Amino acid sequence: MAPSKTTDADPEILAEDTVLTDVLGTHAKVKLLVMLLSHNDRDLNPTEIARMAGIDRSTFYEHVDDLLAYGMIEQTRTVGNSPMYRINRDSKAAEALAQMEWELLDEVEE
């Protein structure tokens, strides 16, 4: 595993330096999924998701339709004019990704 980076990065960016981004890379879709997996108990608007994933909001919109089509994420509701999203807890693929993260964490800890 790559050594942990110590930078002055924004502490609210949650999709950096994780086991999944280390293994799968830092593509925006990976960052989006990592961030939503880490907040699987609530839905978030695109601005919050993009900020915590460390990507531009426009980048979020470039990838959201793909992740919706794969069933990895779901739109839960609309608040004002803002759609809200979360990881799709009924998705076998999202469940497998979460399981992969746990298994990788176990490997790192050993």
PDB file of N, CA and C in Angstrom:
ATOM      1  N   MET A   1       0.844  -1.170   0.000  1.00  0.00           N
ATOM      2  CA  MET A   1       0.000   0.000   0.000  1.00  0.00           C
ATOM      3  C   MET A   1       0.887   1.230   0.000  1.00  0.00           C
ATOM      4  N   ALA A   2       0.461   2.255  -0.714  1.00  0.00           N
ATOM      5  CA  ALA A   2       1.229   3.494  -0.775  1.00  0.00           C
ATOM      6  C   ALA A   2       1.222   4.157   0.583  1.00  0.00           C
ATOM      7  N   PRO A   3       2.297   4.831   0.918  1.00  0.00           N
ATOM      8  CA  PRO A   3       2.334   5.512   2.207  1.00  0.00           C
ATOM      9  C   PRO A   3       1.293   6.612   2.262  1.00  0.00           C
ATOM     10  N   SER A   4       0.783   6.865   3.452  1.00  0.00           N
ATOM     11  CA  SER A   4      -0.195   7.919   3.647  1.00  0.00           C
ATOM     12  C   SER A   4       0.459   9.256   3.377  1.00  0.00           C
ATOM     13  N   LYS A   5      -0.253  10.106   2.664  1.00  0.00           N
ATOM     14  CA  LYS A   5       0.282  11.408   2.331  1.00  0.00           C
ATOM     15  C   LYS A   5      -0.070  12.395   3.424  1.00  0.00           C
ATOM     16  N   THR A   6       0.867  13.225   3.782  1.00  0.00           N
ATOM     17  CA  THR A   6       0.582  14.286   4.738  1.00  0.00           C
ATOM     18  C   THR A   6       0.667  15.599   3.991  1.00  0.00           C
ATOM     19  N   THR A   7      -0.507  16.207   3.782  1.00  0.00           N
ATOM     20  CA  THR A   7      -0.586  17.461   3.061  1.00  0.00           C
ATOM     21  C   THR A   7      -1.492  18.398   3.825  1.00  0.00           C
ATOM     22  N   ASP A   8      -1.588  19.589   3.309  1.00  0.00           N
ATOM     23  CA  ASP A   8      -2.508  20.558   3.879  1.00  0.00           C
ATOM     24  C   ASP A   8      -3.857  20.470   3.182  1.00  0.00           C
ATOM     25  N   ALA A   9      -4.257  19.281   2.788  1.00  0.00           N
ATOM     26  CA  ALA A   9      -5.504  19.074   2.066  1.00  0.00           C
ATOM     27  C   ALA A   9      -6.694  19.441   2.930  1.00  0.00           C
ATOM     28  N   ASP A  10      -7.773  19.749   2.267  1.00  0.00           N
ATOM     29  CA  ASP A  10      -9.021  20.104   2.942  1.00  0.00           C
ATOM     30  C   ASP A  10      -9.482  18.916   3.784  1.00  0.00           C
ATOM     31  N   PRO A  11      -9.658  19.097   5.097  1.00  0.00           N
ATOM     32  CA  PRO A  11     -10.060  17.979   5.945  1.00  0.00           C
ATOM     33  C   PRO A  11     -11.459  17.462   5.639  1.00  0.00           C
ATOM     34  N   GLU A  12     -12.250  18.238   4.896  1.00  0.00           N
ATOM     35  CA  GLU A  12     -13.592  17.788   4.558  1.00  0.00           C
ATOM     36  C   GLU A  12     -13.611  16.899   3.325  1.00  0.00           C
ATOM     37  N   ILE A  13     -12.489  16.772   2.633  1.00  0.00           N
ATOM     38  CA  ILE A  13     -12.419  15.871   1.490  1.00  0.00           C
ATOM     39  C   ILE A  13     -12.209  14.468   2.038  1.00  0.00           C
ATOM     40  N   LEU A  14     -13.240  13.645   1.900  1.00  0.00           N
ATOM     41  CA  LEU A  14     -13.219  12.333   2.525  1.00  0.00           C
ATOM     42  C   LEU A  14     -12.814  11.207   1.571  1.00  0.00           C
ATOM     43  N   ALA A  15     -12.717  11.508   0.290  1.00  0.00           N
ATOM     44  CA  ALA A  15     -12.451  10.457  -0.686  1.00  0.00           C
ATOM     45  C   ALA A  15     -10.989  10.409  -1.111  1.00  0.00           C
ATOM     46  N   GLU A  16     -10.115  10.995  -0.325  1.00  0.00           N
ATOM     47  CA  GLU A  16      -8.683  10.949  -0.609  1.00  0.00           C
ATOM     48  C   GLU A  16      -8.021   9.987   0.374  1.00  0.00           C
ATOM     49  N   ASP A  17      -6.958   9.367  -0.065  1.00  0.00           N
ATOM     50  CA  ASP A  17      -6.156   8.503   0.802  1.00  0.00           C
ATOM     51  C   ASP A  17      -6.971   7.424   1.503  1.00  0.00           C
ATOM     52  N   THR A  18      -7.842   6.774   0.758  1.00  0.00           N
ATOM     53  CA  THR A  18      -8.593   5.647   1.306  1.00  0.00           C
ATOM     54  C   THR A  18      -8.074   4.373   0.659  1.00  0.00           C
ATOM     55  N   VAL A  19      -8.403   3.263   1.244  1.00  0.00           N
ATOM     56  CA  VAL A  19      -7.941   1.993   0.689  1.00  0.00           C
ATOM     57  C   VAL A  19      -8.518   1.777  -0.716  1.00  0.00           C
ATOM     58  N   LEU A  20      -9.757   2.205  -0.948  1.00  0.00           N
ATOM     59  CA  LEU A  20     -10.346   2.014  -2.276  1.00  0.00           C
ATOM     60  C   LEU A  20      -9.702   2.927  -3.319  1.00  0.00           C
ATOM     61  N   THR A  21      -9.410   4.179  -2.964  1.00  0.00           N
ATOM     62  CA  THR A  21      -8.748   5.045  -3.945  1.00  0.00           C
ATOM     63  C   THR A  21      -7.302   4.602  -4.171  1.00  0.00           C
ATOM     64  N   ASP A  22      -6.711   4.002  -3.167  1.00  0.00           N
ATOM     65  CA  ASP A  22      -5.352   3.478  -3.329  1.00  0.00           C
ATOM     66  C   ASP A  22      -5.338   2.317  -4.324  1.00  0.00           C
ATOM     67  N   VAL A  23      -6.320   1.447  -4.225  1.00  0.00           N
ATOM     68  CA  VAL A  23      -6.373   0.258  -5.084  1.00  0.00           C
ATOM     69  C   VAL A  23      -6.990   0.565  -6.452  1.00  0.00           C
ATOM     70  N   LEU A  24      -8.085   1.325  -6.464  1.00  0.00           N
ATOM     71  CA  LEU A  24      -8.829   1.551  -7.705  1.00  0.00           C
ATOM     72  C   LEU A  24      -8.463   2.846  -8.422  1.00  0.00           C
ATOM     73  N   GLY A  25      -7.729   3.710  -7.764  1.00  0.00           N
ATOM     74  CA  GLY A  25      -7.346   4.978  -8.377  1.00  0.00           C
ATOM     75  C   GLY A  25      -8.238   6.115  -7.915  1.00  0.00           C
ATOM     76  N   THR A  26      -7.903   7.296  -8.368  1.00  0.00           N
ATOM     77  CA  THR A  26      -8.599   8.494  -7.898  1.00  0.00           C
ATOM     78  C   THR A  26      -9.543   9.080  -8.939  1.00  0.00           C
ATOM     79  N   HIS A  27     -10.040   8.238  -9.817  1.00  0.00           N
ATOM     80  CA  HIS A  27     -11.029   8.692 -10.792  1.00  0.00           C
ATOM     81  C   HIS A  27     -12.234   9.250 -10.043  1.00  0.00           C
ATOM     82  N   ALA A  28     -12.883  10.215 -10.639  1.00  0.00           N
ATOM     83  CA  ALA A  28     -14.022  10.875  -9.991  1.00  0.00           C
ATOM     84  C   ALA A  28     -15.102   9.888  -9.567  1.00  0.00           C
ATOM     85  N   LYS A  29     -15.384   8.879 -10.377  1.00  0.00           N
ATOM     86  CA  LYS A  29     -16.426   7.905 -10.004  1.00  0.00           C
ATOM     87  C   LYS A  29     -16.026   7.141  -8.747  1.00  0.00           C
ATOM     88  N   VAL A  30     -14.764   6.791  -8.644  1.00  0.00           N
ATOM     89  CA  VAL A  30     -14.284   6.095  -7.447  1.00  0.00           C
ATOM     90  C   VAL A  30     -14.453   7.001  -6.238  1.00  0.00           C
ATOM     91  N   LYS A  31     -14.050   8.256  -6.376  1.00  0.00           N
ATOM     92  CA  LYS A  31     -14.179   9.202  -5.266  1.00  0.00           C
ATOM     93  C   LYS A  31     -15.638   9.385  -4.852  1.00  0.00           C
ATOM     94  N   LEU A  32     -16.535   9.465  -5.826  1.00  0.00           N
ATOM     95  CA  LEU A  32     -17.957   9.606  -5.517  1.00  0.00           C
ATOM     96  C   LEU A  32     -18.464   8.400  -4.738  1.00  0.00           C
ATOM     97  N   LEU A  33     -18.120   7.218  -5.194  1.00  0.00           N
ATOM     98  CA  LEU A  33     -18.578   6.001  -4.517  1.00  0.00           C
ATOM     99  C   LEU A  33     -17.977   5.874  -3.120  1.00  0.00           C
ATOM    100  N   VAL A  34     -16.693   6.178  -2.985  1.00  0.00           N
ATOM    101  CA  VAL A  34     -16.042   6.115  -1.674  1.00  0.00           C
ATOM    102  C   VAL A  34     -16.740   7.056  -0.709  1.00  0.00           C
ATOM    103  N   MET A  35     -17.003   8.264  -1.156  1.00  0.00           N
ATOM    104  CA  MET A  35     -17.638   9.254  -0.288  1.00  0.00           C
ATOM    105  C   MET A  35     -19.050   8.812   0.108  1.00  0.00           C
ATOM    106  N   LEU A  36     -19.822   8.322  -0.855  1.00  0.00           N
ATOM    107  CA  LEU A  36     -21.186   7.899  -0.544  1.00  0.00           C
ATOM    108  C   LEU A  36     -21.207   6.638   0.324  1.00  0.00           C
ATOM    109  N   LEU A  37     -20.248   5.749   0.145  1.00  0.00           N
ATOM    110  CA  LEU A  37     -20.151   4.585   1.027  1.00  0.00           C
ATOM    111  C   LEU A  37     -19.880   5.012   2.460  1.00  0.00           C
ATOM    112  N   SER A  38     -19.071   6.052   2.613  1.00  0.00           N
ATOM    113  CA  SER A  38     -18.732   6.499   3.966  1.00  0.00           C
ATOM    114  C   SER A  38     -19.871   7.269   4.632  1.00  0.00           C
ATOM    115  N   HIS A  39     -20.859   7.666   3.857  1.00  0.00           N
ATOM    116  CA  HIS A  39     -22.039   8.375   4.392  1.00  0.00           C
ATOM    117  C   HIS A  39     -23.310   7.611   4.022  1.00  0.00           C
ATOM    118  N   ASN A  40     -23.288   6.308   4.180  1.00  0.00           N
ATOM    119  CA  ASN A  40     -24.419   5.499   3.716  1.00  0.00           C
ATOM    120  C   ASN A  40     -25.669   5.644   4.556  1.00  0.00           C
ATOM    121  N   ASP A  41     -25.594   6.394   5.640  1.00  0.00           N
ATOM    122  CA  ASP A  41     -26.751   6.561   6.521  1.00  0.00           C
ATOM    123  C   ASP A  41     -27.586   7.794   6.198  1.00  0.00           C
ATOM    124  N   ARG A  42     -27.168   8.578   5.196  1.00  0.00           N
ATOM    125  CA  ARG A  42     -27.943   9.769   4.867  1.00  0.00           C
ATOM    126  C   ARG A  42     -27.786  10.125   3.401  1.00  0.00           C
ATOM    127  N   ASP A  43     -28.709  10.924   2.912  1.00  0.00           N
ATOM    128  CA  ASP A  43     -28.608  11.396   1.543  1.00  0.00           C
ATOM    129  C   ASP A  43     -28.019  12.799   1.539  1.00  0.00           C
ATOM    130  N   LEU A  44     -27.377  13.123   0.429  1.00  0.00           N
ATOM    131  CA  LEU A  44     -26.646  14.389   0.308  1.00  0.00           C
ATOM    132  C   LEU A  44     -26.960  15.045  -1.030  1.00  0.00           C
ATOM    133  N   ASN A  45     -26.822  16.362  -1.076  1.00  0.00           N
ATOM    134  CA  ASN A  45     -27.038  17.057  -2.342  1.00  0.00           C
ATOM    135  C   ASN A  45     -25.741  17.077  -3.153  1.00  0.00           C
ATOM    136  N   PRO A  46     -25.823  17.391  -4.445  1.00  0.00           N
ATOM    137  CA  PRO A  46     -24.629  17.353  -5.300  1.00  0.00           C
ATOM    138  C   PRO A  46     -23.482  18.236  -4.811  1.00  0.00           C
ATOM    139  N   THR A  47     -23.789  19.395  -4.248  1.00  0.00           N
ATOM    140  CA  THR A  47     -22.734  20.282  -3.759  1.00  0.00           C
ATOM    141  C   THR A  47     -21.966  19.630  -2.614  1.00  0.00           C
ATOM    142  N   GLU A  48     -22.685  19.034  -1.666  1.00  0.00           N
ATOM    143  CA  GLU A  48     -22.038  18.358  -0.537  1.00  0.00           C
ATOM    144  C   GLU A  48     -21.209  17.170  -1.019  1.00  0.00           C
ATOM    145  N   ILE A  49     -21.787  16.397  -1.917  1.00  0.00           N
ATOM    146  CA  ILE A  49     -21.088  15.213  -2.429  1.00  0.00           C
ATOM    147  C   ILE A  49     -19.801  15.615  -3.131  1.00  0.00           C
ATOM    148  N   ALA A  50     -19.882  16.602  -4.015  1.00  0.00           N
ATOM    149  CA  ALA A  50     -18.706  17.040  -4.762  1.00  0.00           C
ATOM    150  C   ALA A  50     -17.632  17.580  -3.818  1.00  0.00           C
ATOM    151  N   ARG A  51     -18.012  18.393  -2.843  1.00  0.00           N
ATOM    152  CA  ARG A  51     -17.052  18.966  -1.909  1.00  0.00           C
ATOM    153  C   ARG A  51     -16.343  17.871  -1.135  1.00  0.00           C
ATOM    154  N   MET A  52     -17.103  16.913  -0.598  1.00  0.00           N
ATOM    155  CA  MET A  52     -16.499  15.859   0.213  1.00  0.00           C
ATOM    156  C   MET A  52     -15.715  14.847  -0.625  1.00  0.00           C
ATOM    157  N   ALA A  53     -16.061  14.739  -1.909  1.00  0.00           N
ATOM    158  CA  ALA A  53     -15.313  13.841  -2.804  1.00  0.00           C
ATOM    159  C   ALA A  53     -14.076  14.520  -3.369  1.00  0.00           C
ATOM    160  N   GLY A  54     -13.981  15.838  -3.199  1.00  0.00           N
ATOM    161  CA  GLY A  54     -12.820  16.556  -3.714  1.00  0.00           C
ATOM    162  C   GLY A  54     -12.856  16.757  -5.215  1.00  0.00           C
ATOM    163  N   ILE A  55     -14.054  16.912  -5.765  1.00  0.00           N
ATOM    164  CA  ILE A  55     -14.224  17.133  -7.203  1.00  0.00           C
ATOM    165  C   ILE A  55     -15.102  18.365  -7.414  1.00  0.00           C
ATOM    166  N   ASP A  56     -15.112  18.866  -8.635  1.00  0.00           N
ATOM    167  CA  ASP A  56     -16.007  19.971  -8.972  1.00  0.00           C
ATOM    168  C   ASP A  56     -17.438  19.454  -9.102  1.00  0.00           C
ATOM    169  N   ARG A  57     -18.372  20.341  -8.850  1.00  0.00           N
ATOM    170  CA  ARG A  57     -19.777  19.957  -8.985  1.00  0.00           C
ATOM    171  C   ARG A  57     -20.089  19.553 -10.423  1.00  0.00           C
ATOM    172  N   SER A  58     -19.477  20.223 -11.386  1.00  0.00           N
ATOM    173  CA  SER A  58     -19.703  19.861 -12.794  1.00  0.00           C
ATOM    174  C   SER A  58     -19.222  18.435 -13.066  1.00  0.00           C
ATOM    175  N   THR A  59     -18.148  18.014 -12.399  1.00  0.00           N
ATOM    176  CA  THR A  59     -17.651  16.646 -12.546  1.00  0.00           C
ATOM    177  C   THR A  59     -18.646  15.660 -11.965  1.00  0.00           C
ATOM    178  N   PHE A  60     -19.253  16.014 -10.834  1.00  0.00           N
ATOM    179  CA  PHE A  60     -20.308  15.174 -10.268  1.00  0.00           C
ATOM    180  C   PHE A  60     -21.389  14.932 -11.321  1.00  0.00           C
ATOM    181  N   TYR A  61     -21.843  16.012 -11.965  1.00  0.00           N
ATOM    182  CA  TYR A  61     -22.913  15.881 -12.953  1.00  0.00           C
ATOM    183  C   TYR A  61     -22.487  15.109 -14.192  1.00  0.00           C
ATOM    184  N   GLU A  62     -21.183  15.084 -14.499  1.00  0.00           N
ATOM    185  CA  GLU A  62     -20.694  14.284 -15.625  1.00  0.00           C
ATOM    186  C   GLU A  62     -20.841  12.789 -15.361  1.00  0.00           C
ATOM    187  N   HIS A  63     -20.828  12.378 -14.085  1.00  0.00           N
ATOM    188  CA  HIS A  63     -20.791  10.950 -13.749  1.00  0.00           C
ATOM    189  C   HIS A  63     -22.042  10.416 -13.064  1.00  0.00           C
ATOM    190  N   VAL A  64     -22.882  11.273 -12.569  1.00  0.00           N
ATOM    191  CA  VAL A  64     -24.021  10.815 -11.782  1.00  0.00           C
ATOM    192  C   VAL A  64     -24.956   9.903 -12.584  1.00  0.00           C
ATOM    193  N   ASP A  65     -25.185  10.225 -13.851  1.00  0.00           N
ATOM    194  CA  ASP A  65     -26.096   9.395 -14.648  1.00  0.00           C
ATOM    195  C   ASP A  65     -25.560   7.972 -14.821  1.00  0.00           C
ATOM    196  N   ASP A  66     -24.242   7.828 -14.991  1.00  0.00           N
ATOM    197  CA  ASP A  66     -23.654   6.485 -15.102  1.00  0.00           C
ATOM    198  C   ASP A  66     -23.864   5.693 -13.812  1.00  0.00           C
ATOM    199  N   LEU A  67     -23.598   6.339 -12.675  1.00  0.00           N
ATOM    200  CA  LEU A  67     -23.737   5.637 -11.393  1.00  0.00           C
ATOM    201  C   LEU A  67     -25.187   5.298 -11.098  1.00  0.00           C
ATOM    202  N   LEU A  68     -26.102   6.159 -11.522  1.00  0.00           N
ATOM    203  CA  LEU A  68     -27.534   5.846 -11.391  1.00  0.00           C
ATOM    204  C   LEU A  68     -27.903   4.672 -12.296  1.00  0.00           C
ATOM    205  N   ALA A  69     -27.405   4.682 -13.527  1.00  0.00           N
ATOM    206  CA  ALA A  69     -27.713   3.607 -14.483  1.00  0.00           C
ATOM    207  C   ALA A  69     -27.181   2.260 -14.003  1.00  0.00           C
ATOM    208  N   TYR A  70     -26.013   2.249 -13.370  1.00  0.00           N
ATOM    209  CA  TYR A  70     -25.461   1.012 -12.817  1.00  0.00           C
ATOM    210  C   TYR A  70     -26.176   0.595 -11.538  1.00  0.00           C
ATOM    211  N   GLY A  71     -27.005   1.468 -10.997  1.00  0.00           N
ATOM    212  CA  GLY A  71     -27.722   1.140  -9.771  1.00  0.00           C
ATOM    213  C   GLY A  71     -26.866   1.279  -8.522  1.00  0.00           C
ATOM    214  N   MET A  72     -25.697   1.880  -8.645  1.00  0.00           N
ATOM    215  CA  MET A  72     -24.794   2.027  -7.495  1.00  0.00           C
ATOM    216  C   MET A  72     -25.280   3.100  -6.520  1.00  0.00           C
ATOM    217  N   ILE A  73     -25.892   4.146  -7.068  1.00  0.00           N
ATOM    218  CA  ILE A  73     -26.444   5.208  -6.223  1.00  0.00           C
ATOM    219  C   ILE A  73     -27.899   5.400  -6.596  1.00  0.00           C
ATOM    220  N   GLU A  74     -28.622   6.111  -5.749  1.00  0.00           N
ATOM    221  CA  GLU A  74     -30.023   6.392  -6.037  1.00  0.00           C
ATOM    222  C   GLU A  74     -30.363   7.818  -5.637  1.00  0.00           C
ATOM    223  N   GLN A  75     -31.300   8.389  -6.389  1.00  0.00           N
ATOM    224  CA  GLN A  75     -31.827   9.687  -5.994  1.00  0.00           C
ATOM    225  C   GLN A  75     -32.965   9.404  -5.025  1.00  0.00           C
ATOM    226  N   THR A  76     -32.890   9.988  -3.841  1.00  0.00           N
ATOM    227  CA  THR A  76     -33.846   9.679  -2.790  1.00  0.00           C
ATOM    228  C   THR A  76     -35.016  10.641  -2.735  1.00  0.00           C
ATOM    229  N   ARG A  77     -34.752  11.917  -3.013  1.00  0.00           N
ATOM    230  CA  ARG A  77     -35.794  12.944  -2.922  1.00  0.00           C
ATOM    231  C   ARG A  77     -35.235  14.228  -3.502  1.00  0.00           C
ATOM    232  N   THR A  78     -36.068  15.254  -3.513  1.00  0.00           N
ATOM    233  CA  THR A  78     -35.645  16.583  -3.926  1.00  0.00           C
ATOM    234  C   THR A  78     -35.952  17.542  -2.797  1.00  0.00           C
ATOM    235  N   VAL A  79     -34.976  18.338  -2.418  1.00  0.00           N
ATOM    236  CA  VAL A  79     -35.153  19.354  -1.382  1.00  0.00           C
ATOM    237  C   VAL A  79     -35.000  20.705  -2.070  1.00  0.00           C
ATOM    238  N   GLY A  80     -36.071  21.473  -2.122  1.00  0.00           N
ATOM    239  CA  GLY A  80     -36.054  22.694  -2.925  1.00  0.00           C
ATOM    240  C   GLY A  80     -35.885  22.289  -4.373  1.00  0.00           C
ATOM    241  N   ASN A  81     -34.848  22.776  -5.005  1.00  0.00           N
ATOM    242  CA  ASN A  81     -34.541  22.372  -6.382  1.00  0.00           C
ATOM    243  C   ASN A  81     -33.401  21.376  -6.447  1.00  0.00           C
ATOM    244  N   SER A  82     -32.921  20.929  -5.297  1.00  0.00           N
ATOM    245  CA  SER A  82     -31.734  20.091  -5.252  1.00  0.00           C
ATOM    246  C   SER A  82     -32.070  18.614  -5.073  1.00  0.00           C
ATOM    247  N   PRO A  83     -31.650  17.776  -6.031  1.00  0.00           N
ATOM    248  CA  PRO A  83     -31.822  16.334  -5.851  1.00  0.00           C
ATOM    249  C   PRO A  83     -30.887  15.833  -4.756  1.00  0.00           C
ATOM    250  N   MET A  84     -31.323  14.833  -4.039  1.00  0.00           N
ATOM    251  CA  MET A  84     -30.525  14.232  -2.970  1.00  0.00           C
ATOM    252  C   MET A  84     -30.174  12.806  -3.382  1.00  0.00           C
ATOM    253  N   TYR A  85     -28.948  12.385  -3.087  1.00  0.00           N
ATOM    254  CA  TYR A  85     -28.456  11.071  -3.483  1.00  0.00           C
ATOM    255  C   TYR A  85     -27.840  10.343  -2.303  1.00  0.00           C
ATOM    256  N   ARG A  86     -27.800   9.015  -2.424  1.00  0.00           N
ATOM    257  CA  ARG A  86     -27.064   8.191  -1.467  1.00  0.00           C
ATOM    258  C   ARG A  86     -26.668   6.897  -2.176  1.00  0.00           C
ATOM    259  N   ILE A  87     -25.805   6.138  -1.515  1.00  0.00           N
ATOM    260  CA  ILE A  87     -25.438   4.831  -2.057  1.00  0.00           C
ATOM    261  C   ILE A  87     -26.694   3.971  -2.058  1.00  0.00           C
ATOM    262  N   ASN A  88     -26.863   3.154  -3.065  1.00  0.00           N
ATOM    263  CA  ASN A  88     -28.045   2.295  -3.155  1.00  0.00           C
ATOM    264  C   ASN A  88     -27.808   1.052  -2.302  1.00  0.00           C
ATOM    265  N   ARG A  89     -28.450   1.003  -1.169  1.00  0.00           N
ATOM    266  CA  ARG A  89     -28.258  -0.114  -0.230  1.00  0.00           C
ATOM    267  C   ARG A  89     -28.794  -1.434  -0.764  1.00  0.00           C
ATOM    268  N   ASP A  90     -29.642  -1.382  -1.788  1.00  0.00           N
ATOM    269  CA  ASP A  90     -30.180  -2.610  -2.370  1.00  0.00           C
ATOM    270  C   ASP A  90     -29.342  -3.122  -3.542  1.00  0.00           C
ATOM    271  N   SER A  91     -28.292  -2.409  -3.888  1.00  0.00           N
ATOM    272  CA  SER A  91     -27.444  -2.783  -5.015  1.00  0.00           C
ATOM    273  C   SER A  91     -26.424  -3.833  -4.587  1.00  0.00           C
ATOM    274  N   LYS A  92     -26.426  -4.954  -5.283  1.00  0.00           N
ATOM    275  CA  LYS A  92     -25.427  -5.989  -4.997  1.00  0.00           C
ATOM    276  C   LYS A  92     -24.020  -5.487  -5.334  1.00  0.00           C
ATOM    277  N   ALA A  93     -23.915  -4.660  -6.362  1.00  0.00           N
ATOM    278  CA  ALA A  93     -22.605  -4.117  -6.731  1.00  0.00           C
ATOM    279  C   ALA A  93     -22.089  -3.162  -5.655  1.00  0.00           C
ATOM    280  N   ALA A  94     -22.953  -2.299  -5.140  1.00  0.00           N
ATOM    281  CA  ALA A  94     -22.537  -1.379  -4.068  1.00  0.00           C
ATOM    282  C   ALA A  94     -22.176  -2.167  -2.813  1.00  0.00           C
ATOM    283  N   GLU A  95     -22.946  -3.213  -2.540  1.00  0.00           N
ATOM    284  CA  GLU A  95     -22.646  -4.064  -1.384  1.00  0.00           C
ATOM    285  C   GLU A  95     -21.294  -4.750  -1.564  1.00  0.00           C
ATOM    286  N   ALA A  96     -21.018  -5.226  -2.782  1.00  0.00           N
ATOM    287  CA  ALA A  96     -19.743  -5.880  -3.058  1.00  0.00           C
ATOM    288  C   ALA A  96     -18.576  -4.892  -2.921  1.00  0.00           C
ATOM    289  N   LEU A  97     -18.778  -3.649  -3.341  1.00  0.00           N
ATOM    290  CA  LEU A  97     -17.733  -2.641  -3.196  1.00  0.00           C
ATOM    291  C   LEU A  97     -17.463  -2.351  -1.720  1.00  0.00           C
ATOM    292  N   ALA A  98     -18.517  -2.252  -0.931  1.00  0.00           N
ATOM    293  CA  ALA A  98     -18.345  -2.034   0.509  1.00  0.00           C
ATOM    294  C   ALA A  98     -17.626  -3.225   1.146  1.00  0.00           C
ATOM    295  N   GLN A  99     -17.982  -4.428   0.735  1.00  0.00           N
ATOM    296  CA  GLN A  99     -17.324  -5.636   1.251  1.00  0.00           C
ATOM    297  C   GLN A  99     -15.853  -5.653   0.857  1.00  0.00           C
ATOM    298  N   MET A 100     -15.570  -5.249  -0.376  1.00  0.00           N
ATOM    299  CA  MET A 100     -14.184  -5.180  -0.827  1.00  0.00           C
ATOM    300  C   MET A 100     -13.390  -4.206   0.038  1.00  0.00           C
ATOM    301  N   GLU A 101     -13.993  -3.073   0.355  1.00  0.00           N
ATOM    302  CA  GLU A 101     -13.317  -2.097   1.210  1.00  0.00           C
ATOM    303  C   GLU A 101     -12.987  -2.707   2.567  1.00  0.00           C
ATOM    304  N   TRP A 102     -13.957  -3.408   3.178  1.00  0.00           N
ATOM    305  CA  TRP A 102     -13.723  -4.027   4.493  1.00  0.00           C
ATOM    306  C   TRP A 102     -12.624  -5.079   4.421  1.00  0.00           C
ATOM    307  N   GLU A 103     -12.643  -5.895   3.371  1.00  0.00           N
ATOM    308  CA  GLU A 103     -11.621  -6.936   3.236  1.00  0.00           C
ATOM    309  C   GLU A 103     -10.239  -6.346   3.011  1.00  0.00           C
ATOM    310  N   LEU A 104     -10.164  -5.267   2.235  1.00  0.00           N
ATOM    311  CA  LEU A 104      -8.875  -4.598   2.049  1.00  0.00           C
ATOM    312  C   LEU A 104      -8.377  -3.983   3.344  1.00  0.00           C
ATOM    313  N   LEU A 105      -9.280  -3.396   4.102  1.00  0.00           N
ATOM    314  CA  LEU A 105      -8.893  -2.837   5.411  1.00  0.00           C
ATOM    315  C   LEU A 105      -8.367  -3.917   6.341  1.00  0.00           C
ATOM    316  N   ASP A 106      -9.002  -5.096   6.307  1.00  0.00           N
ATOM    317  CA  ASP A 106      -8.515  -6.219   7.107  1.00  0.00           C
ATOM    318  C   ASP A 106      -7.102  -6.610   6.697  1.00  0.00           C
ATOM    319  N   GLU A 107      -6.826  -6.627   5.404  1.00  0.00           N
ATOM    320  CA  GLU A 107      -5.501  -6.984   4.890  1.00  0.00           C
ATOM    321  C   GLU A 107      -4.458  -5.972   5.352  1.00  0.00           C
ATOM    322  N   VAL A 108      -4.812  -4.704   5.297  1.00  0.00           N
ATOM    323  CA  VAL A 108      -3.878  -3.640   5.699  1.00  0.00           C
ATOM    324  C   VAL A 108      -3.560  -3.724   7.184  1.00  0.00           C
ATOM    325  N   GLU A 109      -4.551  -4.067   7.983  1.00  0.00           N
ATOM    326  CA  GLU A 109      -4.375  -4.127   9.436  1.00  0.00           C
ATOM    327  C   GLU A 109      -3.525  -5.312   9.867  1.00  0.00           C
ATOM    328  N   GLU A 110      -3.467  -6.341   9.060  1.00  0.00           N
ATOM    329  CA  GLU A 110      -2.724  -7.549   9.443  1.00  0.00           C
ATOM    330  C   GLU A 110      -1.230  -7.360   9.304  1.00  0.00           C
TER     331      GLU A 110
END
